[in-house]
Amino acid sequence: MTTSAQRFTVQHLIAAVALASTATAVFLSKLDGLAVRLSPAIRQACAQWWPLLLILAGGILWLIHAKAHKTTRHATTTMAVMTETRGGTA
């Protein structure tokens, strides 16, 4: 969107706010429809335990990211070792 020499202008900020508010409105309308279909017990549990659910979701995403990074790093290391043992360059 911008280079390192450019700054965000007022138009960029207005566009970002408009996009965020539109997405929020759409998401909330979908969320209202889902909340109506859920049982009252599930709604109450989510309302009471949302901080813990948010922390757990973040932890799960963090573990998935760490595992993917570890697998990628392992594959890169394996490729480098194979290249060095053959004496060639990739």
Protein backbone atom coordinates (compact mmCIF):
# COMPACT_ATOMS: atom_id res chain seq x y z
CA MET A 1 0.00 0.00 0.00
CA THR A 2 2.80 2.40 0.85
CA THR A 3 6.56 2.35 0.63
CA SER A 4 8.85 3.04 3.54
CA ALA A 5 9.22 6.67 2.45
CA GLN A 6 5.46 7.30 2.34
CA ARG A 7 3.09 7.81 5.26
CA PHE A 8 -0.48 6.73 5.61
CA THR A 9 -2.75 9.54 4.58
CA VAL A 10 -6.16 10.52 5.91
CA GLN A 11 -7.76 8.71 2.97
CA HIS A 12 -6.04 5.46 4.01
CA LEU A 13 -7.31 5.83 7.56
CA ILE A 14 -10.86 6.57 6.39
CA ALA A 15 -10.81 3.54 4.10
CA ALA A 16 -9.53 1.32 6.92
CA VAL A 17 -12.21 2.53 9.32
CA ALA A 18 -14.94 2.05 6.71
CA LEU A 19 -13.74 -1.46 5.91
CA ALA A 20 -13.46 -2.43 9.57
CA SER A 21 -16.89 -1.07 10.46
CA THR A 22 -18.54 -2.78 7.49
CA ALA A 23 -16.90 -6.10 8.35
CA THR A 24 -17.94 -5.71 11.99
CA ALA A 25 -21.55 -5.02 11.03
CA VAL A 26 -21.66 -8.07 8.76
CA PHE A 27 -20.03 -10.27 11.39
CA LEU A 28 -22.41 -9.11 14.12
CA SER A 29 -25.45 -9.84 11.97
CA LYS A 30 -24.15 -13.37 11.37
CA LEU A 31 -23.34 -13.74 15.06
CA ASP A 32 -26.86 -12.70 16.07
CA GLY A 33 -28.31 -15.40 13.82
CA LEU A 34 -26.02 -17.99 15.36
CA ALA A 35 -26.82 -16.91 18.90
CA VAL A 36 -30.54 -17.37 18.29
CA ARG A 37 -29.98 -20.96 17.16
CA LEU A 38 -27.80 -21.92 20.14
CA SER A 39 -29.35 -23.31 23.27
CA PRO A 40 -29.57 -20.98 26.29
CA ALA A 41 -27.13 -23.16 28.26
CA ILE A 42 -24.44 -22.85 25.58
CA ARG A 43 -25.01 -19.09 25.28
CA GLN A 44 -24.67 -18.67 29.04
CA ALA A 45 -21.49 -20.77 29.14
CA CYS A 46 -19.93 -18.75 26.31
CA ALA A 47 -20.92 -15.48 27.96
CA GLN A 48 -19.35 -16.51 31.28
CA TRP A 49 -16.26 -18.27 29.98
CA TRP A 50 -15.33 -16.15 26.93
CA PRO A 51 -11.97 -14.98 28.36
CA LEU A 52 -10.85 -18.56 28.95
CA LEU A 53 -12.13 -19.62 25.53
CA LEU A 54 -10.20 -16.76 23.93
CA ILE A 55 -7.00 -17.72 25.76
CA LEU A 56 -7.40 -21.37 24.79
CA ALA A 57 -8.01 -20.48 21.14
CA GLY A 58 -4.89 -18.30 21.15
CA GLY A 59 -2.84 -21.09 22.72
CA ILE A 60 -4.03 -23.58 20.13
CA LEU A 61 -3.20 -21.20 17.29
CA TRP A 62 0.20 -20.56 18.83
CA LEU A 63 0.95 -24.30 19.05
CA ILE A 64 -0.16 -24.86 15.46
CA HIS A 65 2.11 -22.01 14.32
CA ALA A 66 5.04 -23.32 16.35
CA LYS A 67 4.61 -26.82 14.94
CA ALA A 68 4.42 -25.52 11.36
CA HIS A 69 7.51 -23.37 11.93
CA LYS A 70 9.39 -26.32 13.44
CA THR A 71 8.47 -28.54 10.48
CA THR A 72 9.55 -25.90 7.97
CA ARG A 73 12.81 -25.28 9.83
CA HIS A 74 13.48 -29.03 10.01
CA ALA A 75 12.86 -29.42 6.27
CA THR A 76 15.20 -26.50 5.51
CA THR A 77 17.91 -27.95 7.75
CA THR A 78 17.54 -31.38 6.16
CA MET A 79 17.82 -29.87 2.68
CA ALA A 80 20.95 -27.92 3.69
CA VAL A 81 22.57 -31.05 5.13
CA MET A 82 21.77 -33.05 2.00
CA THR A 83 23.23 -30.30 -0.19
CA GLU A 84 26.41 -30.13 1.89
CA THR A 85 26.92 -33.90 1.88
CA ARG A 86 26.62 -34.02 -1.91
CA GLY A 87 29.08 -31.19 -2.24
CA GLY A 88 26.86 -29.20 -4.57
CA THR A 89 24.89 -26.06 -4.38
CA ALA A 90 21.14 -25.78 -4.49
